[in-house]
Amino acid sequence: MKIGEVLTSWSGVKAWLSPPDRHALAREARGRAAALLPPAETLVDGHTVEPGERVPEPPAAHRADAFGRRPSAGDRLLAGAWRAEQLLDRLNPVNAAVDARDRRGEDRGAQWHGGWQSAAGRLAAALRPRTEEKYLSVLLLTGGGMHVVRVQLSSDGKKVAGAVEHAYAAARQDITWLRDRKDVRHGTHEIGFADGSWVTVFFPLGGWGTLVEAFPNRLRHTDPIA
């Protein structure tokens, strides 16, 4: 084998083994998600979002089938490897120590309130669809309300793929408060709605400050929920 072929082969192996650039993925996903907004909607800000760690999994009747296709055997194999990697990451003693530090003083009580038909329940369900695809959920705050858009990733989780789908919408007047729960974990917030329901969400990457500041009626973690 020629030296050039060896170098080309090694660069391909390194690219396959290297972790995804999460910040670059989030930026591209945000742009793809924003492009799906209705023409009348003006984007204020957006960020990738996940359900709170202890928000319960929705019943099957309230979970949507994301991206509308069944995964291939290869997709399922890669998805299994992805889940194994995430499990090993959680079991890593260094990561566990960092998480333990982040969660000191954490309230381990409920992380949501309201039924699955409530505004909070529908948001929680939108963040946990039925799928074996890799994807990012993007929360978009607009002049008219709040949206969640799912953006599909490639099977290795390193690139934004083709499918983008709208998953959730709430009118601006139905969002009554947002509470920063930095006492639980940095990036954790609770979103409250006019029907009295609320749910915990997590912004996994830095840079969510401008999005949070754009929400109406922001509460500190020491403020009670009225």
Protein backbone atom coordinates (compact mmCIF):
# COMPACT_ATOMS: atom_id res chain seq x y z
CA MET A 1 0.00 0.00 0.00
CA LYS A 2 1.33 3.45 -0.91
CA ILE A 3 1.98 6.09 1.77
CA GLY A 4 -0.83 8.27 0.40
CA GLU A 5 -3.29 5.41 0.68
CA VAL A 6 -2.21 4.74 4.28
CA LEU A 7 -2.68 8.39 5.21
CA THR A 8 -6.07 8.53 3.50
CA SER A 9 -7.17 5.36 5.26
CA TRP A 10 -5.95 6.62 8.67
CA SER A 11 -7.70 9.99 8.25
CA GLY A 12 -10.92 8.14 7.51
CA VAL A 13 -10.52 5.98 10.60
CA LYS A 14 -9.82 9.06 12.75
CA ALA A 15 -12.90 10.81 11.35
CA TRP A 16 -15.03 7.75 12.16
CA LEU A 17 -13.65 7.50 15.71
CA SER A 18 -13.75 11.20 16.53
CA PRO A 19 -16.77 12.48 18.51
CA PRO A 20 -19.26 14.80 16.80
CA ASP A 21 -18.80 18.56 17.04
CA ARG A 22 -21.88 19.18 19.20
CA HIS A 23 -21.76 22.96 18.89
CA ALA A 24 -21.49 22.88 15.09
CA LEU A 25 -24.34 20.34 14.94
CA ALA A 26 -26.50 22.54 17.18
CA ARG A 27 -25.87 25.63 15.03
CA GLU A 28 -26.79 23.82 11.83
CA ALA A 29 -29.83 22.19 13.45
CA ARG A 30 -31.05 25.57 14.70
CA GLY A 31 -30.82 27.01 11.19
CA ARG A 32 -32.66 24.05 9.68
CA ALA A 33 -35.34 24.25 12.38
CA ALA A 34 -35.85 28.00 11.93
CA ALA A 35 -36.38 27.50 8.19
CA LEU A 36 -39.44 25.38 9.01
CA LEU A 37 -41.24 28.18 10.87
CA PRO A 38 -44.42 29.61 9.31
CA PRO A 39 -43.67 32.69 7.17
CA ALA A 40 -45.51 34.99 9.59
CA GLU A 41 -43.35 33.93 12.56
CA THR A 42 -40.33 36.03 13.54
CA LEU A 43 -37.54 34.12 15.24
CA VAL A 44 -36.33 35.61 18.53
CA ASP A 45 -33.88 32.89 19.55
CA GLY A 46 -33.46 29.13 19.67
CA HIS A 47 -31.43 26.39 21.28
CA THR A 48 -31.22 22.61 21.39
CA VAL A 49 -33.34 21.19 24.19
CA GLU A 50 -33.88 17.89 26.01
CA PRO A 51 -36.48 16.75 28.56
CA GLY A 52 -35.55 17.03 32.22
CA GLU A 53 -33.76 13.94 33.45
CA ARG A 54 -36.61 12.83 35.71
CA VAL A 55 -39.55 13.82 33.54
CA PRO A 56 -41.40 10.50 33.06
CA GLU A 57 -41.57 8.77 29.70
CA PRO A 58 -44.94 9.45 28.05
CA PRO A 59 -47.43 6.60 27.59
CA ALA A 60 -47.39 5.08 24.11
CA ALA A 61 -50.65 6.80 23.18
CA HIS A 62 -49.01 10.21 23.61
CA ARG A 63 -45.76 9.53 21.75
CA ALA A 64 -45.46 10.44 18.08
CA ASP A 65 -43.59 8.34 15.51
CA ALA A 66 -40.76 10.64 14.48
CA PHE A 67 -39.53 10.94 10.87
CA GLY A 68 -42.09 8.48 9.56
CA ARG A 69 -39.89 5.55 8.56
CA ARG A 70 -38.69 2.29 10.04
CA PRO A 71 -34.90 2.09 10.60
CA SER A 72 -32.83 -0.42 8.66
CA ALA A 73 -30.83 -3.19 10.33
CA GLY A 74 -27.69 -1.07 9.93
CA ASP A 75 -29.42 1.91 11.51
CA ARG A 76 -30.47 -0.23 14.47
CA LEU A 77 -26.92 -1.52 14.88
CA LEU A 78 -25.49 1.99 14.91
CA ALA A 79 -28.23 3.17 17.28
CA GLY A 80 -27.36 0.33 19.66
CA ALA A 81 -23.69 1.32 19.55
CA TRP A 82 -24.68 4.93 20.22
CA ARG A 83 -26.74 3.95 23.28
CA ALA A 84 -23.88 1.76 24.55
CA GLU A 85 -21.49 4.68 24.19
CA GLN A 86 -23.85 6.93 26.16
CA LEU A 87 -24.17 4.27 28.89
CA LEU A 88 -20.40 3.93 29.19
CA ASP A 89 -20.10 7.71 29.34
CA ARG A 90 -22.56 7.81 32.26
CA LEU A 91 -20.69 4.98 34.02
CA ASN A 92 -17.33 6.74 33.70
CA PRO A 93 -16.30 7.59 37.30
CA VAL A 94 -14.93 11.00 36.29
CA ASN A 95 -18.21 11.95 34.58
CA ALA A 96 -20.17 10.60 37.54
CA ALA A 97 -18.16 12.79 39.91
CA VAL A 98 -18.79 15.87 37.77
CA ASP A 99 -22.53 15.09 37.63
CA ALA A 100 -22.61 14.56 41.40
CA ARG A 101 -21.00 17.95 41.90
CA ASP A 102 -23.53 19.57 39.54
CA ARG A 103 -26.45 17.96 41.40
CA ARG A 104 -25.57 18.90 44.98
CA GLY A 105 -28.69 20.08 46.77
CA GLU A 106 -30.90 18.82 43.94
CA ASP A 107 -34.60 18.53 44.59
CA ARG A 108 -35.42 14.98 43.49
CA GLY A 109 -39.15 15.58 43.51
CA ALA A 110 -41.47 15.99 40.57
CA GLN A 111 -40.14 17.63 37.44
CA TRP A 112 -43.50 18.32 35.86
CA HIS A 113 -47.12 18.97 36.70
CA GLY A 114 -50.27 18.48 34.64
CA GLY A 115 -51.65 15.61 32.59
CA TRP A 116 -50.39 14.48 29.23
CA GLN A 117 -53.11 16.53 27.52
CA SER A 118 -51.84 19.74 29.18
CA ALA A 119 -49.47 22.17 27.48
CA ALA A 120 -46.58 20.88 29.61
CA GLY A 121 -47.51 17.25 29.01
CA ARG A 122 -47.61 17.75 25.25
CA LEU A 123 -44.21 19.43 25.36
CA ALA A 124 -42.77 16.54 27.41
CA ALA A 125 -44.20 14.04 24.92
CA ALA A 126 -42.85 16.00 21.95
CA LEU A 127 -39.35 15.71 23.41
CA ARG A 128 -39.61 11.91 23.64
CA PRO A 129 -40.99 10.56 20.35
CA ARG A 130 -40.88 6.94 19.20
CA THR A 131 -37.84 6.56 16.97
CA GLU A 132 -34.49 4.85 16.63
CA GLU A 133 -33.16 7.73 14.55
CA LYS A 134 -30.62 10.11 16.01
CA TYR A 135 -31.95 13.66 16.18
CA LEU A 136 -31.79 16.99 17.94
CA SER A 137 -34.80 18.85 19.31
CA VAL A 138 -34.60 22.61 18.86
CA LEU A 139 -36.72 24.98 20.96
CA LEU A 140 -37.53 28.15 19.03
CA LEU A 141 -38.98 31.26 20.67
CA THR A 142 -40.77 33.51 18.20
CA GLY A 143 -42.81 36.69 18.31
CA GLY A 144 -45.96 34.57 18.37
CA GLY A 145 -45.00 31.69 20.64
CA MET A 146 -42.75 28.71 21.18
CA HIS A 147 -42.03 25.81 18.86
CA VAL A 148 -40.09 22.56 19.04
CA VAL A 149 -38.65 21.23 15.80
CA ARG A 150 -36.90 17.87 15.45
CA VAL A 151 -33.86 17.72 13.16
CA GLN A 152 -32.66 14.30 12.04
CA LEU A 153 -28.97 13.39 12.28
CA SER A 154 -26.96 10.92 10.25
CA SER A 155 -26.68 7.35 11.52
CA ASP A 156 -23.31 8.10 13.14
CA GLY A 157 -24.71 11.22 14.83
CA LYS A 158 -22.05 13.50 13.32
CA LYS A 159 -24.01 15.36 10.64
CA VAL A 160 -27.43 16.89 10.12
CA ALA A 161 -29.39 14.61 7.79
CA GLY A 162 -32.38 15.34 5.58
CA ALA A 163 -35.56 15.23 7.65
CA VAL A 164 -36.88 18.13 9.71
CA GLU A 165 -40.31 18.06 11.37
CA HIS A 166 -42.41 20.36 13.53
CA ALA A 167 -43.21 18.71 16.87
CA TYR A 168 -44.86 21.27 19.18
CA ALA A 169 -46.27 24.78 19.36
CA ALA A 170 -47.59 27.01 22.17
CA ALA A 171 -48.93 30.55 21.79
CA ARG A 172 -46.98 33.35 23.47
CA GLN A 173 -49.84 34.17 25.84
CA ASP A 174 -49.95 30.55 27.01
CA ILE A 175 -46.34 30.68 28.30
CA THR A 176 -46.65 32.23 31.76
CA TRP A 177 -43.19 31.82 33.32
CA LEU A 178 -39.75 30.26 33.08
CA ARG A 179 -37.77 29.33 36.21
CA ASP A 180 -34.01 28.82 36.24
CA ARG A 181 -33.17 25.66 38.21
CA LYS A 182 -29.42 26.11 38.39
CA ASP A 183 -29.70 24.68 41.90
CA VAL A 184 -30.50 21.34 40.23
CA ARG A 185 -28.09 21.46 37.29
CA HIS A 186 -26.69 24.19 35.08
CA GLY A 187 -28.93 24.49 32.02
CA THR A 188 -32.06 23.14 33.74
CA HIS A 189 -35.23 25.25 33.52
CA GLU A 190 -38.94 24.85 34.22
CA ILE A 191 -41.51 26.25 31.80
CA GLY A 192 -44.97 27.13 33.12
CA PHE A 193 -48.16 27.48 31.11
CA ALA A 194 -51.49 29.28 31.47
CA ASP A 195 -53.35 26.03 32.15
CA GLY A 196 -51.34 25.60 35.38
CA SER A 197 -49.07 22.87 34.01
CA TRP A 198 -45.26 23.04 33.98
CA VAL A 199 -42.36 20.86 32.88
CA THR A 200 -38.59 20.70 33.31
CA VAL A 201 -36.35 21.01 30.25
CA PHE A 202 -32.58 20.95 29.88
CA PHE A 203 -30.40 23.03 27.53
CA PRO A 204 -27.40 20.72 27.04
CA LEU A 205 -24.94 23.22 25.52
CA GLY A 206 -23.79 26.68 26.56
CA GLY A 207 -25.15 29.80 24.92
CA TRP A 208 -28.78 29.56 26.04
CA GLY A 209 -28.65 32.81 28.03
CA THR A 210 -30.15 35.05 25.34
CA LEU A 211 -32.99 32.58 24.76
CA VAL A 212 -33.85 32.48 28.46
CA GLU A 213 -33.73 36.27 28.73
CA ALA A 214 -36.33 36.54 25.95
CA PHE A 215 -38.95 34.58 27.93
CA PRO A 216 -41.64 36.53 29.79
CA ASN A 217 -41.79 36.46 33.60
CA ARG A 218 -38.47 34.81 34.44
CA LEU A 219 -38.19 33.35 37.95
CA ARG A 220 -35.12 32.55 40.04
CA HIS A 221 -34.66 29.10 41.50
CA THR A 222 -35.52 30.55 44.91
CA ASP A 223 -38.88 31.90 43.70
CA PRO A 224 -41.92 29.74 44.37
CA ILE A 225 -44.25 28.63 41.59
CA ALA A 226 -47.41 30.68 42.04
